[in-house]
Amino acid sequence: FQTKLRQEDQKKIFSQIPGLNNAVFIRYGQAHRNTYLNSPKVLKEGTLFLKNTKTAVSGQLSGVEGYAESAATGILAALNVIYDLKSEKFNPPPEDTVMGGLFKHLHEQSRNFQPTAANFSIVKTNDIRYRTKKEKRFSIAENSIKSITEWSQKSFFKVLE
């Protein structure tokens, strides 16, 4: 468990769970610290550092939360490095995709940069008004799939050539 409870309190509370009254706890939980960079200030246009341009960052350290988000920034960092090694400009995914929204978030200047997870609010949408949230989300997802497919054919698979 990720918790801020003291170990004695954890033992007391968890022992009240049916079946755990006689359990021996080998290790207790603790709250983890979320360490991340102020990416908008330290990264140039991609995932490479402003000052040490031969180093890229990805994952939680870059300012995203979650396994899929960390994997996505790892893919973007790898592509960014490959394009940089080829002396070509890296084109990030479109902002109407989750990957593009995450990438944009890493570069948005703000007074108090905070990590983000994948969610509909980071995806750029059109100004169409929808009757329901479900209809809007379906439209966003459908458009995102089309955009990421086009981007991957132009940018992602280009590095394999």
N, C-alpha and C. Protein backbone atom coordinates (compact mmCIF):
# COMPACT_ATOMS: atom_id res chain seq x y z
N PHE A 1 0.83 -1.18 0.00
CA PHE A 1 0.00 0.00 0.00
C PHE A 1 0.87 1.24 0.00
N GLN A 2 0.45 2.28 -0.75
CA GLN A 2 1.11 3.57 -0.65
C GLN A 2 0.35 4.37 0.39
N THR A 3 0.99 4.65 1.49
CA THR A 3 0.29 5.29 2.59
C THR A 3 1.24 6.18 3.38
N LYS A 4 0.67 7.13 4.08
CA LYS A 4 1.45 7.99 4.97
C LYS A 4 1.29 7.55 6.43
N LEU A 5 0.65 6.42 6.64
CA LEU A 5 0.44 5.92 8.00
C LEU A 5 1.76 5.40 8.60
N ARG A 6 1.90 5.59 9.90
CA ARG A 6 3.06 5.02 10.60
C ARG A 6 2.94 3.50 10.57
N GLN A 7 4.05 2.81 10.72
CA GLN A 7 4.05 1.35 10.65
C GLN A 7 3.15 0.71 11.69
N GLU A 8 3.13 1.25 12.91
CA GLU A 8 2.27 0.68 13.95
C GLU A 8 0.80 0.80 13.56
N ASP A 9 0.44 1.95 12.97
CA ASP A 9 -0.95 2.15 12.54
C ASP A 9 -1.31 1.24 11.37
N GLN A 10 -0.35 1.02 10.47
CA GLN A 10 -0.61 0.11 9.36
C GLN A 10 -0.90 -1.29 9.88
N LYS A 11 -0.07 -1.77 10.82
CA LYS A 11 -0.29 -3.11 11.38
C LYS A 11 -1.66 -3.19 12.04
N LYS A 12 -2.01 -2.19 12.81
CA LYS A 12 -3.30 -2.17 13.51
C LYS A 12 -4.47 -2.21 12.52
N ILE A 13 -4.43 -1.37 11.51
CA ILE A 13 -5.53 -1.27 10.53
C ILE A 13 -5.60 -2.51 9.63
N PHE A 14 -4.45 -2.91 9.09
CA PHE A 14 -4.45 -4.05 8.16
C PHE A 14 -4.79 -5.36 8.87
N SER A 15 -4.48 -5.46 10.15
CA SER A 15 -4.82 -6.67 10.90
C SER A 15 -6.32 -6.80 11.13
N GLN A 16 -7.06 -5.71 10.95
CA GLN A 16 -8.52 -5.73 11.10
C GLN A 16 -9.22 -6.27 9.85
N ILE A 17 -8.48 -6.39 8.75
CA ILE A 17 -9.04 -6.94 7.52
C ILE A 17 -9.26 -8.44 7.73
N PRO A 18 -10.48 -8.93 7.43
CA PRO A 18 -10.75 -10.37 7.64
C PRO A 18 -9.69 -11.24 6.97
N GLY A 19 -9.16 -12.17 7.73
CA GLY A 19 -8.15 -13.09 7.22
C GLY A 19 -6.73 -12.61 7.46
N LEU A 20 -6.56 -11.35 7.85
CA LEU A 20 -5.21 -10.82 8.08
C LEU A 20 -4.92 -10.58 9.56
N ASN A 21 -5.84 -11.03 10.44
CA ASN A 21 -5.66 -10.75 11.86
C ASN A 21 -4.40 -11.39 12.45
N ASN A 22 -3.93 -12.49 11.87
CA ASN A 22 -2.70 -13.13 12.37
C ASN A 22 -1.55 -13.02 11.36
N ALA A 23 -1.72 -12.14 10.38
CA ALA A 23 -0.69 -12.01 9.34
C ALA A 23 0.58 -11.40 9.91
N VAL A 24 1.70 -11.83 9.34
CA VAL A 24 2.99 -11.25 9.67
C VAL A 24 3.36 -10.34 8.50
N PHE A 25 3.52 -9.07 8.80
CA PHE A 25 3.84 -8.10 7.76
C PHE A 25 5.36 -7.97 7.66
N ILE A 26 5.89 -8.33 6.50
CA ILE A 26 7.33 -8.29 6.30
C ILE A 26 7.79 -6.88 5.94
N ARG A 27 6.93 -6.18 5.21
CA ARG A 27 7.29 -4.84 4.75
C ARG A 27 6.03 -3.97 4.81
N TYR A 28 6.20 -2.75 5.24
CA TYR A 28 5.09 -1.81 5.31
C TYR A 28 5.16 -0.82 4.16
N GLY A 29 4.01 -0.25 3.84
CA GLY A 29 3.94 0.70 2.73
C GLY A 29 4.43 2.08 3.13
N GLN A 30 4.69 2.86 2.11
CA GLN A 30 5.07 4.25 2.33
C GLN A 30 4.65 5.06 1.13
N ALA A 31 4.45 6.34 1.32
CA ALA A 31 4.12 7.22 0.20
C ALA A 31 5.39 7.43 -0.60
N HIS A 32 5.26 7.36 -1.90
CA HIS A 32 6.44 7.58 -2.73
C HIS A 32 6.52 9.04 -3.13
N ARG A 33 7.70 9.46 -3.44
CA ARG A 33 7.92 10.83 -3.87
C ARG A 33 7.91 10.86 -5.39
N ASN A 34 7.15 11.75 -5.94
CA ASN A 34 7.08 11.88 -7.38
C ASN A 34 8.12 12.92 -7.82
N THR A 35 9.23 12.45 -8.35
CA THR A 35 10.31 13.33 -8.78
C THR A 35 10.20 13.56 -10.27
N TYR A 36 10.26 14.81 -10.68
CA TYR A 36 10.15 15.14 -12.10
C TYR A 36 10.87 16.46 -12.36
N LEU A 37 11.20 16.68 -13.63
CA LEU A 37 11.86 17.90 -14.05
C LEU A 37 10.83 18.97 -14.37
N ASN A 38 11.26 20.20 -14.36
CA ASN A 38 10.43 21.29 -14.88
C ASN A 38 10.70 21.32 -16.38
N SER A 39 10.13 20.36 -17.08
CA SER A 39 10.43 20.12 -18.49
C SER A 39 10.33 21.35 -19.39
N PRO A 40 9.31 22.20 -19.24
CA PRO A 40 9.24 23.37 -20.13
C PRO A 40 10.47 24.27 -20.03
N LYS A 41 11.16 24.24 -18.90
CA LYS A 41 12.33 25.11 -18.73
C LYS A 41 13.64 24.44 -19.11
N VAL A 42 13.68 23.10 -19.11
CA VAL A 42 14.96 22.43 -19.35
C VAL A 42 15.04 21.67 -20.67
N LEU A 43 13.91 21.52 -21.37
CA LEU A 43 13.92 20.80 -22.64
C LEU A 43 13.79 21.76 -23.81
N LYS A 44 14.48 21.42 -24.90
CA LYS A 44 14.23 22.20 -26.11
C LYS A 44 12.99 21.61 -26.78
N GLU A 45 12.76 21.85 -28.03
CA GLU A 45 11.51 21.48 -28.68
C GLU A 45 11.12 20.01 -28.54
N GLY A 46 12.07 19.14 -28.43
CA GLY A 46 11.76 17.72 -28.29
C GLY A 46 11.91 17.24 -26.87
N THR A 47 12.61 16.14 -26.70
CA THR A 47 12.85 15.59 -25.37
C THR A 47 14.31 15.73 -24.97
N LEU A 48 15.08 16.45 -25.77
CA LEU A 48 16.49 16.66 -25.49
C LEU A 48 16.66 17.88 -24.58
N PHE A 49 17.67 17.83 -23.72
CA PHE A 49 17.93 18.94 -22.82
C PHE A 49 18.46 20.15 -23.58
N LEU A 50 18.15 21.33 -23.10
CA LEU A 50 18.64 22.57 -23.70
C LEU A 50 20.15 22.66 -23.65
N LYS A 51 20.72 22.35 -22.48
CA LYS A 51 22.16 22.54 -22.29
C LYS A 51 22.98 21.33 -22.72
N ASN A 52 22.52 20.13 -22.45
CA ASN A 52 23.23 18.92 -22.86
C ASN A 52 22.39 18.27 -23.95
N THR A 53 22.60 18.70 -25.18
CA THR A 53 21.73 18.29 -26.28
C THR A 53 21.92 16.85 -26.71
N LYS A 54 22.83 16.14 -26.09
CA LYS A 54 23.02 14.72 -26.42
C LYS A 54 22.28 13.81 -25.43
N THR A 55 21.50 14.41 -24.55
CA THR A 55 20.79 13.64 -23.53
C THR A 55 19.29 13.91 -23.66
N ALA A 56 18.51 12.84 -23.64
CA ALA A 56 17.05 12.95 -23.71
C ALA A 56 16.46 12.45 -22.40
N VAL A 57 15.23 12.83 -22.16
CA VAL A 57 14.53 12.41 -20.94
C VAL A 57 13.18 11.83 -21.31
N SER A 58 12.73 10.88 -20.50
CA SER A 58 11.41 10.30 -20.73
C SER A 58 10.87 9.77 -19.41
N GLY A 59 9.68 9.23 -19.46
CA GLY A 59 9.08 8.61 -18.29
C GLY A 59 8.65 9.62 -17.25
N GLN A 60 8.48 9.14 -16.04
CA GLN A 60 8.00 9.97 -14.94
C GLN A 60 8.87 11.19 -14.74
N LEU A 61 10.16 11.04 -14.93
CA LEU A 61 11.09 12.15 -14.75
C LEU A 61 10.78 13.31 -15.68
N SER A 62 10.19 13.01 -16.86
CA SER A 62 9.89 14.06 -17.83
C SER A 62 8.66 14.87 -17.45
N GLY A 63 7.80 14.34 -16.59
CA GLY A 63 6.62 15.08 -16.18
C GLY A 63 5.32 14.44 -16.58
N VAL A 64 5.31 13.11 -16.69
CA VAL A 64 4.07 12.39 -16.95
C VAL A 64 3.86 11.38 -15.82
N GLU A 65 2.62 10.96 -15.66
CA GLU A 65 2.30 9.97 -14.64
C GLU A 65 1.64 8.78 -15.30
N GLY A 66 2.08 7.59 -14.95
CA GLY A 66 1.48 6.37 -15.46
C GLY A 66 2.43 5.58 -16.33
N TYR A 67 2.14 4.28 -16.40
CA TYR A 67 3.00 3.38 -17.17
C TYR A 67 2.90 3.63 -18.66
N ALA A 68 1.68 3.75 -19.18
CA ALA A 68 1.50 3.99 -20.62
C ALA A 68 2.08 5.34 -21.01
N GLU A 69 1.89 6.34 -20.17
CA GLU A 69 2.41 7.67 -20.46
C GLU A 69 3.94 7.66 -20.47
N SER A 70 4.52 6.94 -19.52
CA SER A 70 5.98 6.83 -19.47
C SER A 70 6.52 6.10 -20.70
N ALA A 71 5.82 5.04 -21.11
CA ALA A 71 6.22 4.33 -22.33
C ALA A 71 6.11 5.24 -23.54
N ALA A 72 5.05 6.03 -23.60
CA ALA A 72 4.86 6.95 -24.73
C ALA A 72 6.00 7.96 -24.80
N THR A 73 6.39 8.53 -23.67
CA THR A 73 7.49 9.50 -23.71
C THR A 73 8.82 8.81 -24.02
N GLY A 74 8.94 7.53 -23.67
CA GLY A 74 10.15 6.78 -24.05
C GLY A 74 10.24 6.61 -25.56
N ILE A 75 9.11 6.31 -26.19
CA ILE A 75 9.07 6.19 -27.65
C ILE A 75 9.41 7.54 -28.28
N LEU A 76 8.82 8.60 -27.76
CA LEU A 76 9.08 9.94 -28.31
C LEU A 76 10.54 10.34 -28.12
N ALA A 77 11.11 10.01 -26.97
CA ALA A 77 12.52 10.34 -26.72
C ALA A 77 13.42 9.58 -27.69
N ALA A 78 13.13 8.30 -27.89
CA ALA A 78 13.94 7.50 -28.82
C ALA A 78 13.86 8.06 -30.23
N LEU A 79 12.66 8.38 -30.67
CA LEU A 79 12.50 8.97 -32.01
C LEU A 79 13.22 10.31 -32.10
N ASN A 80 13.10 11.11 -31.07
CA ASN A 80 13.77 12.41 -31.04
C ASN A 80 15.28 12.25 -31.20
N VAL A 81 15.85 11.29 -30.49
CA VAL A 81 17.30 11.05 -30.57
C VAL A 81 17.69 10.57 -31.97
N ILE A 82 16.91 9.67 -32.54
CA ILE A 82 17.21 9.17 -33.88
C ILE A 82 17.19 10.30 -34.89
N TYR A 83 16.16 11.12 -34.85
CA TYR A 83 16.08 12.26 -35.78
C TYR A 83 17.25 13.21 -35.56
N ASP A 84 17.61 13.44 -34.30
CA ASP A 84 18.73 14.32 -34.00
C ASP A 84 20.04 13.76 -34.55
N LEU A 85 20.24 12.45 -34.42
CA LEU A 85 21.45 11.82 -34.95
C LEU A 85 21.52 11.92 -36.48
N LYS A 86 20.36 11.95 -37.11
CA LYS A 86 20.30 12.10 -38.57
C LYS A 86 20.30 13.56 -39.00
N SER A 87 20.40 14.47 -38.02
CA SER A 87 20.34 15.91 -38.26
C SER A 87 19.04 16.32 -38.97
N GLU A 88 17.97 15.66 -38.57
CA GLU A 88 16.66 15.97 -39.13
C GLU A 88 15.76 16.50 -38.03
N LYS A 89 14.76 17.28 -38.41
CA LYS A 89 13.83 17.84 -37.44
C LYS A 89 12.81 16.78 -37.04
N PHE A 90 12.64 16.61 -35.75
CA PHE A 90 11.65 15.69 -35.22
C PHE A 90 10.29 16.36 -35.22
N ASN A 91 9.31 15.69 -35.80
CA ASN A 91 7.94 16.19 -35.78
C ASN A 91 7.16 15.38 -34.77
N PRO A 92 6.75 16.03 -33.68
CA PRO A 92 6.01 15.30 -32.64
C PRO A 92 4.63 14.89 -33.13
N PRO A 93 3.99 13.99 -32.42
CA PRO A 93 2.64 13.57 -32.81
C PRO A 93 1.68 14.76 -32.75
N PRO A 94 0.61 14.71 -33.53
CA PRO A 94 -0.36 15.81 -33.53
C PRO A 94 -0.98 16.00 -32.15
N GLU A 95 -1.34 17.24 -31.86
CA GLU A 95 -1.91 17.57 -30.56
C GLU A 95 -3.31 17.01 -30.37
N ASP A 96 -3.90 16.49 -31.42
CA ASP A 96 -5.23 15.88 -31.27
C ASP A 96 -5.12 14.39 -30.94
N THR A 97 -3.94 13.98 -30.47
CA THR A 97 -3.73 12.61 -30.00
C THR A 97 -3.24 12.69 -28.55
N VAL A 98 -3.34 11.61 -27.82
CA VAL A 98 -2.87 11.60 -26.43
C VAL A 98 -1.36 11.79 -26.39
N MET A 99 -0.63 11.11 -27.28
CA MET A 99 0.83 11.27 -27.29
C MET A 99 1.20 12.71 -27.59
N GLY A 100 0.51 13.32 -28.53
CA GLY A 100 0.76 14.72 -28.86
C GLY A 100 0.41 15.64 -27.70
N GLY A 101 -0.67 15.33 -27.01
CA GLY A 101 -1.06 16.12 -25.84
C GLY A 101 -0.04 16.02 -24.72
N LEU A 102 0.47 14.82 -24.50
CA LEU A 102 1.52 14.64 -23.48
C LEU A 102 2.77 15.42 -23.87
N PHE A 103 3.15 15.32 -25.15
CA PHE A 103 4.34 16.01 -25.64
C PHE A 103 4.17 17.52 -25.47
N LYS A 104 2.99 18.02 -25.82
CA LYS A 104 2.73 19.46 -25.67
C LYS A 104 2.82 19.87 -24.21
N HIS A 105 2.27 19.04 -23.32
CA HIS A 105 2.30 19.35 -21.89
C HIS A 105 3.73 19.54 -21.40
N LEU A 106 4.65 18.76 -21.91
CA LEU A 106 6.05 18.85 -21.48
C LEU A 106 6.70 20.16 -21.90
N HIS A 107 6.04 20.90 -22.77
CA HIS A 107 6.61 22.14 -23.28
C HIS A 107 5.78 23.38 -22.97
N GLU A 108 4.67 23.21 -22.27
CA GLU A 108 3.82 24.35 -21.93
C GLU A 108 4.39 25.10 -20.73
N GLN A 109 4.70 26.34 -20.94
CA GLN A 109 5.22 27.17 -19.86
C GLN A 109 4.11 27.46 -18.86
N SER A 110 4.41 27.29 -17.60
CA SER A 110 3.48 27.64 -16.55
C SER A 110 4.27 27.99 -15.30
N ARG A 111 3.64 28.71 -14.39
CA ARG A 111 4.34 29.08 -13.16
C ARG A 111 4.62 27.87 -12.29
N ASN A 112 3.74 26.88 -12.35
CA ASN A 112 3.86 25.72 -11.46
C ASN A 112 3.64 24.44 -12.27
N PHE A 113 4.64 24.04 -13.02
CA PHE A 113 4.53 22.84 -13.85
C PHE A 113 4.28 21.62 -12.97
N GLN A 114 3.28 20.82 -13.33
CA GLN A 114 2.95 19.60 -12.61
C GLN A 114 2.81 18.45 -13.60
N PRO A 115 3.16 17.23 -13.20
CA PRO A 115 3.00 16.08 -14.09
C PRO A 115 1.54 15.86 -14.47
N THR A 116 1.32 15.21 -15.60
CA THR A 116 -0.04 14.88 -16.02
C THR A 116 -0.11 13.44 -16.49
N ALA A 117 -1.29 12.92 -16.46
CA ALA A 117 -1.57 11.58 -16.99
C ALA A 117 -2.41 11.74 -18.24
N ALA A 118 -2.57 10.67 -18.97
CA ALA A 118 -3.40 10.70 -20.17
C ALA A 118 -4.85 10.97 -19.76
N ASN A 119 -5.45 11.92 -20.42
CA ASN A 119 -6.86 12.23 -20.19
C ASN A 119 -7.37 13.05 -21.36
N PHE A 120 -8.66 13.18 -21.48
CA PHE A 120 -9.25 13.87 -22.62
C PHE A 120 -8.91 15.35 -22.65
N SER A 121 -8.60 15.95 -21.51
CA SER A 121 -8.35 17.39 -21.48
C SER A 121 -7.02 17.78 -22.14
N ILE A 122 -6.09 16.85 -22.31
CA ILE A 122 -4.82 17.20 -22.95
C ILE A 122 -4.88 17.05 -24.46
N VAL A 123 -5.96 16.50 -24.97
CA VAL A 123 -6.12 16.28 -26.41
C VAL A 123 -6.79 17.50 -27.03
N LYS A 124 -6.15 18.08 -28.03
CA LYS A 124 -6.72 19.24 -28.72
C LYS A 124 -7.97 18.77 -29.48
N THR A 125 -9.04 19.54 -29.32
CA THR A 125 -10.29 19.17 -29.98
C THR A 125 -10.76 20.29 -30.89
N ASN A 126 -11.70 19.95 -31.75
CA ASN A 126 -12.32 20.98 -32.57
C ASN A 126 -13.37 21.71 -31.72
N ASP A 127 -13.94 22.75 -32.25
CA ASP A 127 -14.89 23.55 -31.48
C ASP A 127 -16.33 23.09 -31.64
N ILE A 128 -16.52 21.88 -32.10
CA ILE A 128 -17.87 21.36 -32.28
C ILE A 128 -18.49 21.09 -30.91
N ARG A 129 -19.75 21.45 -30.76
CA ARG A 129 -20.47 21.15 -29.51
C ARG A 129 -21.18 19.81 -29.68
N TYR A 130 -21.12 18.99 -28.65
CA TYR A 130 -21.72 17.66 -28.68
C TYR A 130 -22.87 17.59 -27.70
N ARG A 131 -23.79 16.70 -27.97
CA ARG A 131 -24.94 16.54 -27.07
C ARG A 131 -24.54 15.86 -25.77
N THR A 132 -23.63 14.89 -25.85
CA THR A 132 -23.25 14.15 -24.65
C THR A 132 -21.73 14.04 -24.55
N LYS A 133 -21.25 13.80 -23.33
CA LYS A 133 -19.82 13.60 -23.10
C LYS A 133 -19.34 12.35 -23.84
N LYS A 134 -20.18 11.31 -23.85
CA LYS A 134 -19.84 10.06 -24.53
C LYS A 134 -19.63 10.32 -26.03
N GLU A 135 -20.51 11.10 -26.64
CA GLU A 135 -20.40 11.43 -28.07
C GLU A 135 -19.12 12.21 -28.34
N LYS A 136 -18.80 13.15 -27.46
CA LYS A 136 -17.60 13.96 -27.62
C LYS A 136 -16.35 13.08 -27.52
N ARG A 137 -16.32 12.22 -26.52
CA ARG A 137 -15.15 11.36 -26.32
C ARG A 137 -14.98 10.37 -27.47
N PHE A 138 -16.08 9.86 -27.97
CA PHE A 138 -16.00 8.96 -29.12
C PHE A 138 -15.40 9.69 -30.32
N SER A 139 -15.84 10.92 -30.55
CA SER A 139 -15.33 11.72 -31.66
C SER A 139 -13.83 12.00 -31.49
N ILE A 140 -13.44 12.35 -30.27
CA ILE A 140 -12.02 12.61 -29.99
C ILE A 140 -11.20 11.36 -30.26
N ALA A 141 -11.67 10.21 -29.77
CA ALA A 141 -10.94 8.96 -29.96
C ALA A 141 -10.83 8.59 -31.43
N GLU A 142 -11.92 8.72 -32.14
CA GLU A 142 -11.93 8.40 -33.57
C GLU A 142 -10.96 9.29 -34.34
N ASN A 143 -10.97 10.58 -34.05
CA ASN A 143 -10.07 11.53 -34.71
C ASN A 143 -8.62 11.26 -34.33
N SER A 144 -8.39 10.91 -33.06
CA SER A 144 -7.03 10.64 -32.60
C SER A 144 -6.43 9.42 -33.29
N ILE A 145 -7.23 8.39 -33.47
CA ILE A 145 -6.74 7.18 -34.14
C ILE A 145 -6.32 7.51 -35.56
N LYS A 146 -7.13 8.29 -36.24
CA LYS A 146 -6.81 8.70 -37.61
C LYS A 146 -5.51 9.52 -37.63
N SER A 147 -5.39 10.48 -36.73
CA SER A 147 -4.21 11.35 -36.69
C SER A 147 -2.93 10.60 -36.33
N ILE A 148 -3.00 9.71 -35.34
CA ILE A 148 -1.79 9.00 -34.93
C ILE A 148 -1.36 8.02 -36.00
N THR A 149 -2.32 7.46 -36.74
CA THR A 149 -2.00 6.55 -37.84
C THR A 149 -1.27 7.30 -38.94
N GLU A 150 -1.79 8.46 -39.32
CA GLU A 150 -1.13 9.29 -40.36
C GLU A 150 0.26 9.72 -39.90
N TRP A 151 0.37 10.17 -38.66
CA TRP A 151 1.66 10.63 -38.14
C TRP A 151 2.66 9.48 -38.13
N SER A 152 2.24 8.31 -37.67
CA SER A 152 3.17 7.18 -37.56
C SER A 152 3.67 6.75 -38.93
N GLN A 153 2.82 6.83 -39.95
CA GLN A 153 3.26 6.46 -41.29
C GLN A 153 4.27 7.46 -41.85
N LYS A 154 4.12 8.74 -41.49
CA LYS A 154 5.03 9.78 -41.98
C LYS A 154 6.31 9.88 -41.14
N SER A 155 6.16 9.82 -39.83
CA SER A 155 7.29 10.11 -38.94
C SER A 155 7.89 8.89 -38.28
N PHE A 156 7.03 8.06 -37.72
CA PHE A 156 7.50 6.92 -36.94
C PHE A 156 8.22 5.91 -37.81
N PHE A 157 7.58 5.49 -38.89
CA PHE A 157 8.17 4.44 -39.73
C PHE A 157 9.28 4.97 -40.62
N LYS A 158 9.39 6.30 -40.73
CA LYS A 158 10.46 6.90 -41.53
C LYS A 158 11.83 6.56 -40.93
N VAL A 159 11.92 6.46 -39.62
CA VAL A 159 13.21 6.19 -38.99
C VAL A 159 13.70 4.78 -39.28
N LEU A 160 12.80 3.91 -39.69
CA LEU A 160 13.21 2.54 -40.00
C LEU A 160 13.84 2.42 -41.38
N GLU A 161 13.69 3.45 -42.18
CA GLU A 161 14.24 3.40 -43.55
C GLU A 161 15.75 3.47 -43.55
